[in-house]
Amino acid sequence: MRPLRERDFALLWTGMTVSLLGDGVFVVATAWQVYDLDNDPVALSAVGTAWALGMVAFLLTGGVVTDRVDRRRVMIAADLVRTVAVAAIGVLSVTGAIAIWHLVALSLLMGAAEAFFGPAFGAIVPDVVAREHLVQANALDQLVSQAATRLAGPALGGIVVAAVGPGAAFLGDAGTFAVSAACVAAMGLRMVPVETARSARRELVEGLRYVRGEPWLWATLISASLSLLFFVGPIEVLLPYVVRNGLHAGAGGYGAVLARPASAPWRSRCCSARRACRGATSRSCTSRGASPPCRSSSMPSARPCGSSPPSRCSRARAWRPAASCGAR
């Protein structure tokens, strides 16, 4: 936690955490809003495709701008653009004037803003953290990314959408981007733009040439793109459709379904502790006619060594990862 002792990184990390929570809420609210308007997976895929196209189209440009302009200003501008875009979606939803094309157009704008924010965020972290704390800072980044976008954010989004509707959820998400912009603006770091004689177009061409000349890089990009196209994309589009129309569950159920797989590593850790406890030697479990309880920091309660695991482990749902509950 040492990087959090540095004021600029603490501000950056706080803004990112709040914003990522909003991203999790946005996923649930968008799916529910789209299916409220048009109960067709094609509509949701159009919205997601628009966001992806906006990001891909401006990603290289965002990297070039990040190298030439104060990264704080790039991040603040990107956050403000996303604030306005999501707030517009929220207002349109609350007033009942929203249509699918609104979501497509504003998602395209949000994707373009993300194309500028991402490179700027990645480049600014080494400038606000001491070199010896950089690994810890990256670890904190990964921790909050997983916890906020895959666990807490969707769970919160399900609760909010179920309670007050997607429109209010969008407005709340817009507020998270505003908080992120305020945190970045409060940072004391000031950067002098790097002057270069090369044109931005030439830098873009050099970037494409570099990617093409590194087989491991373009192979990774192609494999990741195929994974998103044939696996992640269909799941993000069809999962809320199945939850809504097949399971007849609400937004809260959808948020819970999204958050449940993210908690698998924690369940797996608990079950690993149970298995280790059952195989413990006499140094940890003494025989006094009955097996003593096994204690683990991952388990608030105690259970006799050698006893069978809880029945809920054997009743794991089909969609639960195999690693959870010590599946054999």
C-alpha atoms as a PDB file:
ATOM      1  CA  MET A   1       0.000   0.000   0.000  1.00  0.00           C
ATOM      2  CA  ARG A   2       3.024   2.280  -0.084  1.00  0.00           C
ATOM      3  CA  PRO A   3       2.111   3.933  -3.409  1.00  0.00           C
ATOM      4  CA  LEU A   4      -1.087   5.255  -1.787  1.00  0.00           C
ATOM      5  CA  ARG A   5       1.061   7.338   0.549  1.00  0.00           C
ATOM      6  CA  GLU A   6       2.011   9.482  -2.420  1.00  0.00           C
ATOM      7  CA  ARG A   7      -0.640  12.159  -2.826  1.00  0.00           C
ATOM      8  CA  ASP A   8      -0.827  12.255  -6.616  1.00  0.00           C
ATOM      9  CA  PHE A   9      -1.116   8.497  -6.972  1.00  0.00           C
ATOM     10  CA  ALA A  10      -3.704   8.336  -4.190  1.00  0.00           C
ATOM     11  CA  LEU A  11      -5.822  10.896  -6.049  1.00  0.00           C
ATOM     12  CA  LEU A  12      -5.355   9.064  -9.343  1.00  0.00           C
ATOM     13  CA  TRP A  13      -6.214   5.714  -7.769  1.00  0.00           C
ATOM     14  CA  THR A  14      -9.285   7.112  -6.000  1.00  0.00           C
ATOM     15  CA  GLY A  15     -10.654   8.635  -9.192  1.00  0.00           C
ATOM     16  CA  MET A  16     -10.008   5.414 -11.087  1.00  0.00           C
ATOM     17  CA  THR A  17     -11.730   3.300  -8.425  1.00  0.00           C
ATOM     18  CA  VAL A  18     -14.864   5.449  -8.429  1.00  0.00           C
ATOM     19  CA  SER A  19     -14.929   5.559 -12.227  1.00  0.00           C
ATOM     20  CA  LEU A  20     -14.536   1.774 -12.551  1.00  0.00           C
ATOM     21  CA  LEU A  21     -17.416   1.238 -10.147  1.00  0.00           C
ATOM     22  CA  GLY A  22     -19.455   3.411 -12.465  1.00  0.00           C
ATOM     23  CA  ASP A  23     -18.340   1.293 -15.421  1.00  0.00           C
ATOM     24  CA  GLY A  24     -19.787  -1.786 -13.723  1.00  0.00           C
ATOM     25  CA  VAL A  25     -23.064   0.055 -13.149  1.00  0.00           C
ATOM     26  CA  PHE A  26     -23.061   1.217 -16.778  1.00  0.00           C
ATOM     27  CA  VAL A  27     -22.843  -2.366 -18.088  1.00  0.00           C
ATOM     28  CA  VAL A  28     -26.003  -3.401 -16.246  1.00  0.00           C
ATOM     29  CA  ALA A  29     -27.889  -0.172 -16.988  1.00  0.00           C
ATOM     30  CA  THR A  30     -27.060  -0.281 -20.707  1.00  0.00           C
ATOM     31  CA  ALA A  31     -28.191  -3.876 -21.145  1.00  0.00           C
ATOM     32  CA  TRP A  32     -31.454  -3.251 -19.295  1.00  0.00           C
ATOM     33  CA  GLN A  33     -32.135   0.019 -21.089  1.00  0.00           C
ATOM     34  CA  VAL A  34     -31.554  -1.496 -24.526  1.00  0.00           C
ATOM     35  CA  TYR A  35     -33.776  -4.493 -23.848  1.00  0.00           C
ATOM     36  CA  ASP A  36     -36.463  -2.180 -22.462  1.00  0.00           C
ATOM     37  CA  LEU A  37     -36.455  -0.390 -25.815  1.00  0.00           C
ATOM     38  CA  ASP A  38     -35.957  -3.349 -28.134  1.00  0.00           C
ATOM     39  CA  ASN A  39     -35.930  -6.887 -26.807  1.00  0.00           C
ATOM     40  CA  ASP A  40     -33.499  -8.005 -29.506  1.00  0.00           C
ATOM     41  CA  PRO A  41     -29.815  -8.951 -28.989  1.00  0.00           C
ATOM     42  CA  VAL A  42     -28.965  -7.195 -32.254  1.00  0.00           C
ATOM     43  CA  ALA A  43     -29.784  -3.842 -30.633  1.00  0.00           C
ATOM     44  CA  LEU A  44     -27.385  -4.404 -27.740  1.00  0.00           C
ATOM     45  CA  SER A  45     -24.680  -5.651 -30.100  1.00  0.00           C
ATOM     46  CA  ALA A  46     -25.037  -2.429 -32.123  1.00  0.00           C
ATOM     47  CA  VAL A  47     -24.465  -0.333 -28.996  1.00  0.00           C
ATOM     48  CA  GLY A  48     -21.426  -2.375 -27.958  1.00  0.00           C
ATOM     49  CA  THR A  49     -20.006  -2.291 -31.478  1.00  0.00           C
ATOM     50  CA  ALA A  50     -20.325   1.495 -31.594  1.00  0.00           C
ATOM     51  CA  TRP A  51     -18.312   1.837 -28.370  1.00  0.00           C
ATOM     52  CA  ALA A  52     -15.615  -0.508 -29.689  1.00  0.00           C
ATOM     53  CA  LEU A  53     -15.396   1.284 -33.038  1.00  0.00           C
ATOM     54  CA  GLY A  54     -14.963   4.638 -31.318  1.00  0.00           C
ATOM     55  CA  MET A  55     -12.119   3.318 -29.209  1.00  0.00           C
ATOM     56  CA  VAL A  56     -10.338   1.467 -32.020  1.00  0.00           C
ATOM     57  CA  ALA A  57     -10.622   4.393 -34.422  1.00  0.00           C
ATOM     58  CA  PHE A  58      -8.932   6.856 -32.052  1.00  0.00           C
ATOM     59  CA  LEU A  59      -6.615   4.641 -30.011  1.00  0.00           C
ATOM     60  CA  LEU A  60      -3.436   5.393 -31.978  1.00  0.00           C
ATOM     61  CA  THR A  61      -4.365   9.066 -32.108  1.00  0.00           C
ATOM     62  CA  GLY A  62      -4.811   9.031 -28.345  1.00  0.00           C
ATOM     63  CA  GLY A  63      -1.296   7.655 -27.927  1.00  0.00           C
ATOM     64  CA  VAL A  64       0.191  10.365 -30.140  1.00  0.00           C
ATOM     65  CA  VAL A  65      -1.705  13.115 -28.315  1.00  0.00           C
ATOM     66  CA  THR A  66      -0.614  11.703 -24.950  1.00  0.00           C
ATOM     67  CA  ASP A  67       3.036  12.106 -25.977  1.00  0.00           C
ATOM     68  CA  ARG A  68       2.522  15.714 -27.047  1.00  0.00           C
ATOM     69  CA  VAL A  69       0.085  17.198 -24.518  1.00  0.00           C
ATOM     70  CA  ASP A  70      -0.076  17.356 -20.728  1.00  0.00           C
ATOM     71  CA  ARG A  71      -1.477  13.957 -19.779  1.00  0.00           C
ATOM     72  CA  ARG A  72      -3.540  15.428 -16.968  1.00  0.00           C
ATOM     73  CA  ARG A  73      -5.400  17.603 -19.449  1.00  0.00           C
ATOM     74  CA  VAL A  74      -5.999  14.659 -21.767  1.00  0.00           C
ATOM     75  CA  MET A  75      -7.473  12.603 -18.910  1.00  0.00           C
ATOM     76  CA  ILE A  76      -9.616  15.470 -17.620  1.00  0.00           C
ATOM     77  CA  ALA A  77     -10.961  16.174 -21.112  1.00  0.00           C
ATOM     78  CA  ALA A  78     -11.750  12.478 -21.675  1.00  0.00           C
ATOM     79  CA  ASP A  79     -13.537  12.244 -18.320  1.00  0.00           C
ATOM     80  CA  LEU A  80     -15.578  15.365 -19.037  1.00  0.00           C
ATOM     81  CA  VAL A  81     -16.610  14.052 -22.452  1.00  0.00           C
ATOM     82  CA  ARG A  82     -17.762  10.800 -20.877  1.00  0.00           C
ATOM     83  CA  THR A  83     -19.547  12.721 -18.130  1.00  0.00           C
ATOM     84  CA  VAL A  84     -21.555  14.670 -20.697  1.00  0.00           C
ATOM     85  CA  ALA A  85     -22.261  11.572 -22.824  1.00  0.00           C
ATOM     86  CA  VAL A  86     -23.504   9.402 -19.958  1.00  0.00           C
ATOM     87  CA  ALA A  87     -25.446  12.291 -18.418  1.00  0.00           C
ATOM     88  CA  ALA A  88     -27.178  12.812 -21.771  1.00  0.00           C
ATOM     89  CA  ILE A  89     -28.139   9.125 -21.833  1.00  0.00           C
ATOM     90  CA  GLY A  90     -29.467   9.449 -18.289  1.00  0.00           C
ATOM     91  CA  VAL A  91     -31.557  12.525 -19.038  1.00  0.00           C
ATOM     92  CA  LEU A  92     -32.980  10.961 -22.197  1.00  0.00           C
ATOM     93  CA  SER A  93     -33.822   7.801 -20.268  1.00  0.00           C
ATOM     94  CA  VAL A  94     -35.463   9.577 -17.339  1.00  0.00           C
ATOM     95  CA  THR A  95     -37.576  11.740 -19.659  1.00  0.00           C
ATOM     96  CA  GLY A  96     -38.594   8.745 -21.777  1.00  0.00           C
ATOM     97  CA  ALA A  97     -37.174  10.241 -24.977  1.00  0.00           C
ATOM     98  CA  ILE A  98     -34.333   7.796 -25.438  1.00  0.00           C
ATOM     99  CA  ALA A  99     -33.996   5.631 -28.533  1.00  0.00           C
ATOM    100  CA  ILE A 100     -31.488   3.025 -29.668  1.00  0.00           C
ATOM    101  CA  TRP A 101     -29.753   5.458 -31.994  1.00  0.00           C
ATOM    102  CA  HIS A 102     -29.092   7.775 -29.036  1.00  0.00           C
ATOM    103  CA  LEU A 103     -27.291   4.961 -27.260  1.00  0.00           C
ATOM    104  CA  VAL A 104     -25.318   4.064 -30.386  1.00  0.00           C
ATOM    105  CA  ALA A 105     -24.174   7.640 -31.044  1.00  0.00           C
ATOM    106  CA  LEU A 106     -23.266   8.419 -27.436  1.00  0.00           C
ATOM    107  CA  SER A 107     -21.532   5.054 -26.992  1.00  0.00           C
ATOM    108  CA  LEU A 108     -19.395   5.890 -30.024  1.00  0.00           C
ATOM    109  CA  LEU A 109     -18.424   9.152 -28.319  1.00  0.00           C
ATOM    110  CA  MET A 110     -17.620   7.349 -25.076  1.00  0.00           C
ATOM    111  CA  GLY A 111     -15.403   4.857 -26.884  1.00  0.00           C
ATOM    112  CA  ALA A 112     -13.474   7.687 -28.520  1.00  0.00           C
ATOM    113  CA  ALA A 113     -12.955   9.338 -25.135  1.00  0.00           C
ATOM    114  CA  GLU A 114     -11.715   6.036 -23.689  1.00  0.00           C
ATOM    115  CA  ALA A 115      -9.156   5.866 -26.526  1.00  0.00           C
ATOM    116  CA  PHE A 116      -7.569   9.053 -25.169  1.00  0.00           C
ATOM    117  CA  PHE A 117      -7.950   8.301 -21.464  1.00  0.00           C
ATOM    118  CA  GLY A 118      -6.368   4.831 -21.546  1.00  0.00           C
ATOM    119  CA  PRO A 119      -2.960   5.744 -23.002  1.00  0.00           C
ATOM    120  CA  ALA A 120      -2.759   8.882 -20.861  1.00  0.00           C
ATOM    121  CA  PHE A 121      -3.500   6.917 -17.678  1.00  0.00           C
ATOM    122  CA  GLY A 122      -0.951   4.232 -18.511  1.00  0.00           C
ATOM    123  CA  ALA A 123       1.721   6.814 -19.246  1.00  0.00           C
ATOM    124  CA  ILE A 124       1.127   9.004 -16.204  1.00  0.00           C
ATOM    125  CA  VAL A 125       1.475   6.306 -13.541  1.00  0.00           C
ATOM    126  CA  PRO A 126       5.327   6.145 -13.747  1.00  0.00           C
ATOM    127  CA  ASP A 127       5.365   9.927 -13.367  1.00  0.00           C
ATOM    128  CA  VAL A 128       3.492   9.948 -10.048  1.00  0.00           C
ATOM    129  CA  VAL A 129       5.002   6.869  -8.375  1.00  0.00           C
ATOM    130  CA  ALA A 130       8.573   6.278  -7.292  1.00  0.00           C
ATOM    131  CA  ARG A 131      10.353   3.694  -9.425  1.00  0.00           C
ATOM    132  CA  GLU A 132      10.717   1.231  -6.541  1.00  0.00           C
ATOM    133  CA  HIS A 133       6.930   1.354  -5.922  1.00  0.00           C
ATOM    134  CA  LEU A 134       5.861   0.943  -9.551  1.00  0.00           C
ATOM    135  CA  VAL A 135       5.195  -2.799  -9.281  1.00  0.00           C
ATOM    136  CA  GLN A 136       2.992  -2.262  -6.226  1.00  0.00           C
ATOM    137  CA  ALA A 137       1.157   0.538  -8.019  1.00  0.00           C
ATOM    138  CA  ASN A 138       0.425  -1.747 -10.987  1.00  0.00           C
ATOM    139  CA  ALA A 139      -0.779  -4.432  -8.583  1.00  0.00           C
ATOM    140  CA  LEU A 140      -3.192  -1.976  -6.962  1.00  0.00           C
ATOM    141  CA  ASP A 141      -4.395  -0.999 -10.422  1.00  0.00           C
ATOM    142  CA  GLN A 142      -5.141  -4.629 -11.330  1.00  0.00           C
ATOM    143  CA  LEU A 143      -6.786  -5.275  -7.961  1.00  0.00           C
ATOM    144  CA  VAL A 144      -9.253  -2.432  -8.218  1.00  0.00           C
ATOM    145  CA  SER A 145      -9.903  -3.122 -11.904  1.00  0.00           C
ATOM    146  CA  GLN A 146     -11.024  -6.669 -11.148  1.00  0.00           C
ATOM    147  CA  ALA A 147     -12.888  -5.869  -7.936  1.00  0.00           C
ATOM    148  CA  ALA A 148     -14.721  -2.808  -9.241  1.00  0.00           C
ATOM    149  CA  THR A 149     -15.628  -3.733 -12.814  1.00  0.00           C
ATOM    150  CA  ARG A 150     -16.332  -7.450 -12.295  1.00  0.00           C
ATOM    151  CA  LEU A 151     -17.614  -7.709  -8.739  1.00  0.00           C
ATOM    152  CA  ALA A 152     -18.703  -4.586  -6.899  1.00  0.00           C
ATOM    153  CA  GLY A 153     -19.724  -2.525  -9.941  1.00  0.00           C
ATOM    154  CA  PRO A 154     -22.146  -5.020 -11.535  1.00  0.00           C
ATOM    155  CA  ALA A 155     -23.598  -5.960  -8.140  1.00  0.00           C
ATOM    156  CA  LEU A 156     -24.177  -2.284  -7.341  1.00  0.00           C
ATOM    157  CA  GLY A 157     -25.535  -1.693 -10.826  1.00  0.00           C
ATOM    158  CA  GLY A 158     -28.086  -4.469 -10.442  1.00  0.00           C
ATOM    159  CA  ILE A 159     -29.302  -3.017  -7.158  1.00  0.00           C
ATOM    160  CA  VAL A 160     -29.504   0.556  -8.482  1.00  0.00           C
ATOM    161  CA  VAL A 161     -31.238  -0.339 -11.751  1.00  0.00           C
ATOM    162  CA  ALA A 162     -33.722  -2.567  -9.955  1.00  0.00           C
ATOM    163  CA  ALA A 163     -34.456   0.151  -7.394  1.00  0.00           C
ATOM    164  CA  VAL A 164     -34.595   3.372  -9.420  1.00  0.00           C
ATOM    165  CA  GLY A 165     -34.272   2.362 -13.072  1.00  0.00           C
ATOM    166  CA  PRO A 166     -31.516   2.639 -15.689  1.00  0.00           C
ATOM    167  CA  GLY A 167     -31.900   6.393 -16.140  1.00  0.00           C
ATOM    168  CA  ALA A 168     -30.901   7.200 -12.576  1.00  0.00           C
ATOM    169  CA  ALA A 169     -28.092   4.636 -12.834  1.00  0.00           C
ATOM    170  CA  PHE A 170     -26.718   6.463 -15.898  1.00  0.00           C
ATOM    171  CA  LEU A 171     -26.807   9.767 -14.029  1.00  0.00           C
ATOM    172  CA  GLY A 172     -24.927   8.192 -11.142  1.00  0.00           C
ATOM    173  CA  ASP A 173     -22.316   6.835 -13.552  1.00  0.00           C
ATOM    174  CA  ALA A 174     -21.903  10.316 -15.018  1.00  0.00           C
ATOM    175  CA  GLY A 175     -21.146  11.521 -11.504  1.00  0.00           C
ATOM    176  CA  THR A 176     -18.333   8.970 -11.182  1.00  0.00           C
ATOM    177  CA  PHE A 177     -16.616  10.396 -14.260  1.00  0.00           C
ATOM    178  CA  ALA A 178     -16.942  13.872 -12.775  1.00  0.00           C
ATOM    179  CA  VAL A 179     -15.301  12.621  -9.569  1.00  0.00           C
ATOM    180  CA  SER A 180     -12.479  11.106 -11.617  1.00  0.00           C
ATOM    181  CA  ALA A 181     -11.927  14.387 -13.456  1.00  0.00           C
ATOM    182  CA  ALA A 182     -11.857  16.292 -10.145  1.00  0.00           C
ATOM    183  CA  CYS A 183      -9.295  13.896  -8.675  1.00  0.00           C
ATOM    184  CA  VAL A 184      -7.018  14.219 -11.704  1.00  0.00           C
ATOM    185  CA  ALA A 185      -7.385  18.016 -11.649  1.00  0.00           C
ATOM    186  CA  ALA A 186      -6.335  18.062  -7.977  1.00  0.00           C
ATOM    187  CA  MET A 187      -3.037  16.320  -8.737  1.00  0.00           C
ATOM    188  CA  GLY A 188       0.017  18.489  -8.276  1.00  0.00           C
ATOM    189  CA  LEU A 189       1.884  17.012 -11.244  1.00  0.00           C
ATOM    190  CA  ARG A 190       2.485  19.432 -14.079  1.00  0.00           C
ATOM    191  CA  MET A 191       4.055  18.193 -17.290  1.00  0.00           C
ATOM    192  CA  VAL A 192       5.748  20.161 -20.032  1.00  0.00           C
ATOM    193  CA  PRO A 193       4.614  18.945 -23.463  1.00  0.00           C
ATOM    194  CA  VAL A 194       7.338  17.189 -25.411  1.00  0.00           C
ATOM    195  CA  GLU A 195       8.278  19.094 -28.530  1.00  0.00           C
ATOM    196  CA  THR A 196       9.041  16.974 -31.562  1.00  0.00           C
ATOM    197  CA  ALA A 197       9.897  17.794 -35.133  1.00  0.00           C
ATOM    198  CA  ARG A 198       8.080  14.720 -36.421  1.00  0.00           C
ATOM    199  CA  SER A 199       4.498  15.033 -37.575  1.00  0.00           C
ATOM    200  CA  ALA A 200       1.668  13.204 -35.854  1.00  0.00           C
ATOM    201  CA  ARG A 201       0.895  11.366 -39.077  1.00  0.00           C
ATOM    202  CA  ARG A 202       4.441  10.062 -39.282  1.00  0.00           C
ATOM    203  CA  GLU A 203       4.266   8.826 -35.704  1.00  0.00           C
ATOM    204  CA  LEU A 204       1.034   6.982 -36.478  1.00  0.00           C
ATOM    205  CA  VAL A 205       2.644   5.296 -39.477  1.00  0.00           C
ATOM    206  CA  GLU A 206       5.671   4.331 -37.393  1.00  0.00           C
ATOM    207  CA  GLY A 207       3.408   2.858 -34.731  1.00  0.00           C
ATOM    208  CA  LEU A 208       1.606   0.696 -37.286  1.00  0.00           C
ATOM    209  CA  ARG A 209       4.919  -0.357 -38.805  1.00  0.00           C
ATOM    210  CA  TYR A 210       6.253  -1.353 -35.403  1.00  0.00           C
ATOM    211  CA  VAL A 211       3.213  -3.512 -34.649  1.00  0.00           C
ATOM    212  CA  ARG A 212       3.471  -5.192 -38.049  1.00  0.00           C
ATOM    213  CA  GLY A 213       7.168  -5.903 -37.482  1.00  0.00           C
ATOM    214  CA  GLU A 214       6.623  -7.668 -34.137  1.00  0.00           C
ATOM    215  CA  PRO A 215       4.943 -11.072 -34.728  1.00  0.00           C
ATOM    216  CA  TRP A 216       4.216 -11.665 -31.050  1.00  0.00           C
ATOM    217  CA  LEU A 217       2.439  -8.319 -30.840  1.00  0.00           C
ATOM    218  CA  TRP A 218       0.159  -8.583 -33.846  1.00  0.00           C
ATOM    219  CA  ALA A 219      -0.492 -12.262 -33.099  1.00  0.00           C
ATOM    220  CA  THR A 220      -1.613 -11.293 -29.589  1.00  0.00           C
ATOM    221  CA  LEU A 221      -3.847  -8.553 -30.975  1.00  0.00           C
ATOM    222  CA  ILE A 222      -5.437 -10.930 -33.478  1.00  0.00           C
ATOM    223  CA  SER A 223      -6.058 -13.645 -30.886  1.00  0.00           C
ATOM    224  CA  ALA A 224      -7.527 -11.120 -28.446  1.00  0.00           C
ATOM    225  CA  SER A 225      -9.768  -9.714 -31.170  1.00  0.00           C
ATOM    226  CA  LEU A 226     -11.025 -13.169 -32.105  1.00  0.00           C
ATOM    227  CA  SER A 227     -11.702 -13.934 -28.442  1.00  0.00           C
ATOM    228  CA  LEU A 228     -13.719 -10.731 -28.064  1.00  0.00           C
ATOM    229  CA  LEU A 229     -15.588 -11.372 -31.306  1.00  0.00           C
ATOM    230  CA  PHE A 230     -16.563 -15.011 -30.772  1.00  0.00           C
ATOM    231  CA  PHE A 231     -16.623 -15.393 -26.976  1.00  0.00           C
ATOM    232  CA  VAL A 232     -16.756 -12.242 -24.858  1.00  0.00           C
ATOM    233  CA  GLY A 233     -19.009 -10.296 -27.212  1.00  0.00           C
ATOM    234  CA  PRO A 234     -21.738 -12.939 -27.535  1.00  0.00           C
ATOM    235  CA  ILE A 235     -21.729 -13.493 -23.768  1.00  0.00           C
ATOM    236  CA  GLU A 236     -22.155  -9.781 -23.025  1.00  0.00           C
ATOM    237  CA  VAL A 237     -25.041  -9.567 -25.502  1.00  0.00           C
ATOM    238  CA  LEU A 238     -26.838 -12.856 -24.835  1.00  0.00           C
ATOM    239  CA  LEU A 239     -26.366 -13.204 -21.079  1.00  0.00           C
ATOM    240  CA  PRO A 240     -28.707 -10.320 -20.128  1.00  0.00           C
ATOM    241  CA  TYR A 241     -31.171 -11.542 -22.769  1.00  0.00           C
ATOM    242  CA  VAL A 242     -31.249 -15.014 -21.210  1.00  0.00           C
ATOM    243  CA  VAL A 243     -31.499 -13.632 -17.675  1.00  0.00           C
ATOM    244  CA  ARG A 244     -34.373 -11.371 -18.672  1.00  0.00           C
ATOM    245  CA  ASN A 245     -36.343 -13.630 -21.011  1.00  0.00           C
ATOM    246  CA  GLY A 246     -35.260 -17.136 -20.060  1.00  0.00           C
ATOM    247  CA  LEU A 247     -34.884 -16.863 -16.299  1.00  0.00           C
ATOM    248  CA  HIS A 248     -37.400 -14.000 -15.998  1.00  0.00           C
ATOM    249  CA  ALA A 249     -35.106 -12.271 -13.502  1.00  0.00           C
ATOM    250  CA  GLY A 250     -34.694  -8.562 -12.993  1.00  0.00           C
ATOM    251  CA  ALA A 251     -31.720  -6.240 -13.187  1.00  0.00           C
ATOM    252  CA  GLY A 252     -30.687  -7.274  -9.684  1.00  0.00           C
ATOM    253  CA  GLY A 253     -30.445 -10.881 -10.837  1.00  0.00           C
ATOM    254  CA  TYR A 254     -28.371  -9.889 -13.845  1.00  0.00           C
ATOM    255  CA  GLY A 255     -25.965  -7.913 -11.642  1.00  0.00           C
ATOM    256  CA  ALA A 256     -25.640 -10.891  -9.317  1.00  0.00           C
ATOM    257  CA  VAL A 257     -24.904 -13.213 -12.248  1.00  0.00           C
ATOM    258  CA  LEU A 258     -22.160 -10.884 -13.473  1.00  0.00           C
ATOM    259  CA  ALA A 259     -20.633 -10.537 -10.018  1.00  0.00           C
ATOM    260  CA  ARG A 260     -20.783 -14.219  -9.052  1.00  0.00           C
ATOM    261  CA  PRO A 261     -17.932 -15.520 -11.281  1.00  0.00           C
ATOM    262  CA  ALA A 262     -15.672 -12.715 -10.023  1.00  0.00           C
ATOM    263  CA  SER A 263     -15.938 -14.101  -6.504  1.00  0.00           C
ATOM    264  CA  ALA A 264     -14.698 -17.548  -7.649  1.00  0.00           C
ATOM    265  CA  PRO A 265     -11.046 -16.918  -6.676  1.00  0.00           C
ATOM    266  CA  TRP A 266     -12.125 -16.147  -3.116  1.00  0.00           C
ATOM    267  CA  ARG A 267     -14.285 -19.265  -2.900  1.00  0.00           C
ATOM    268  CA  SER A 268     -11.460 -21.307  -4.377  1.00  0.00           C
ATOM    269  CA  ARG A 269      -9.114 -19.957  -1.735  1.00  0.00           C
ATOM    270  CA  CYS A 270     -11.535 -20.965   1.033  1.00  0.00           C
ATOM    271  CA  CYS A 271     -11.933 -24.458  -0.373  1.00  0.00           C
ATOM    272  CA  SER A 272      -8.168 -24.815  -0.774  1.00  0.00           C
ATOM    273  CA  ALA A 273      -7.800 -23.974   2.900  1.00  0.00           C
ATOM    274  CA  ARG A 274     -10.337 -26.682   3.736  1.00  0.00           C
ATOM    275  CA  ARG A 275      -8.508 -29.298   1.704  1.00  0.00           C
ATOM    276  CA  ALA A 276      -5.197 -28.318   3.247  1.00  0.00           C
ATOM    277  CA  CYS A 277      -6.742 -28.551   6.688  1.00  0.00           C
ATOM    278  CA  ARG A 278      -8.128 -32.017   6.061  1.00  0.00           C
ATOM    279  CA  GLY A 279      -4.655 -33.221   5.128  1.00  0.00           C
ATOM    280  CA  ALA A 280      -2.900 -31.491   8.003  1.00  0.00           C
ATOM    281  CA  THR A 281      -0.339 -33.410  10.021  1.00  0.00           C
ATOM    282  CA  SER A 282      -0.305 -33.946  13.749  1.00  0.00           C
ATOM    283  CA  ARG A 283       1.565 -30.669  14.152  1.00  0.00           C
ATOM    284  CA  SER A 284      -1.637 -28.763  13.371  1.00  0.00           C
ATOM    285  CA  CYS A 285      -4.297 -31.287  14.353  1.00  0.00           C
ATOM    286  CA  THR A 286      -3.736 -33.277  17.522  1.00  0.00           C
ATOM    287  CA  SER A 287      -5.732 -36.416  18.184  1.00  0.00           C
ATOM    288  CA  ARG A 288      -7.762 -36.339  21.398  1.00  0.00           C
ATOM    289  CA  GLY A 289     -10.429 -38.786  20.447  1.00  0.00           C
ATOM    290  CA  ALA A 290     -11.990 -36.220  18.150  1.00  0.00           C
ATOM    291  CA  SER A 291     -10.638 -34.076  15.371  1.00  0.00           C
ATOM    292  CA  PRO A 292      -9.963 -30.494  16.426  1.00  0.00           C
ATOM    293  CA  PRO A 293     -11.353 -27.604  14.410  1.00  0.00           C
ATOM    294  CA  CYS A 294      -9.415 -26.252  11.465  1.00  0.00           C
ATOM    295  CA  ARG A 295      -8.821 -22.533  11.556  1.00  0.00           C
ATOM    296  CA  SER A 296      -8.003 -20.376   8.596  1.00  0.00           C
ATOM    297  CA  SER A 297      -7.965 -16.642   8.072  1.00  0.00           C
ATOM    298  CA  SER A 298     -10.148 -17.207   5.011  1.00  0.00           C
ATOM    299  CA  MET A 299     -12.848 -18.928   7.099  1.00  0.00           C
ATOM    300  CA  PRO A 300     -14.685 -17.164   9.891  1.00  0.00           C
ATOM    301  CA  SER A 301     -15.988 -20.435  11.315  1.00  0.00           C
ATOM    302  CA  ALA A 302     -14.314 -23.679  12.331  1.00  0.00           C
ATOM    303  CA  ARG A 303     -14.908 -27.191  11.045  1.00  0.00           C
ATOM    304  CA  PRO A 304     -13.505 -30.537  12.212  1.00  0.00           C
ATOM    305  CA  CYS A 305     -10.597 -31.847  10.159  1.00  0.00           C
ATOM    306  CA  GLY A 306     -11.507 -34.662   7.832  1.00  0.00           C
ATOM    307  CA  SER A 307     -15.203 -33.867   7.693  1.00  0.00           C
ATOM    308  CA  SER A 308     -16.896 -33.598   4.348  1.00  0.00           C
ATOM    309  CA  PRO A 309     -17.049 -30.229   2.605  1.00  0.00           C
ATOM    310  CA  PRO A 310     -20.265 -28.197   2.786  1.00  0.00           C
ATOM    311  CA  SER A 311     -23.068 -29.422   0.590  1.00  0.00           C
ATOM    312  CA  ARG A 312     -23.254 -26.144  -1.294  1.00  0.00           C
ATOM    313  CA  CYS A 313     -19.936 -27.054  -2.940  1.00  0.00           C
ATOM    314  CA  SER A 314     -21.489 -30.124  -4.490  1.00  0.00           C
ATOM    315  CA  ARG A 315     -24.485 -28.130  -5.689  1.00  0.00           C
ATOM    316  CA  ALA A 316     -22.407 -25.698  -7.749  1.00  0.00           C
ATOM    317  CA  ARG A 317     -24.245 -24.185 -10.662  1.00  0.00           C
ATOM    318  CA  ALA A 318     -23.218 -25.209 -14.152  1.00  0.00           C
ATOM    319  CA  TRP A 319     -21.977 -21.718 -14.935  1.00  0.00           C
ATOM    320  CA  ARG A 320     -19.791 -21.548 -11.847  1.00  0.00           C
ATOM    321  CA  PRO A 321     -16.050 -21.869 -12.672  1.00  0.00           C
ATOM    322  CA  ALA A 322     -14.676 -25.347 -12.068  1.00  0.00           C
ATOM    323  CA  ALA A 323     -12.029 -23.988  -9.727  1.00  0.00           C
ATOM    324  CA  SER A 324     -14.608 -22.885  -7.186  1.00  0.00           C
ATOM    325  CA  CYS A 325     -15.561 -25.034  -4.232  1.00  0.00           C
ATOM    326  CA  GLY A 326     -12.794 -27.494  -4.967  1.00  0.00           C
ATOM    327  CA  ALA A 327     -14.493 -29.156  -7.914  1.00  0.00           C
ATOM    328  CA  ARG A 328     -13.002 -32.541  -8.653  1.00  0.00           C
END
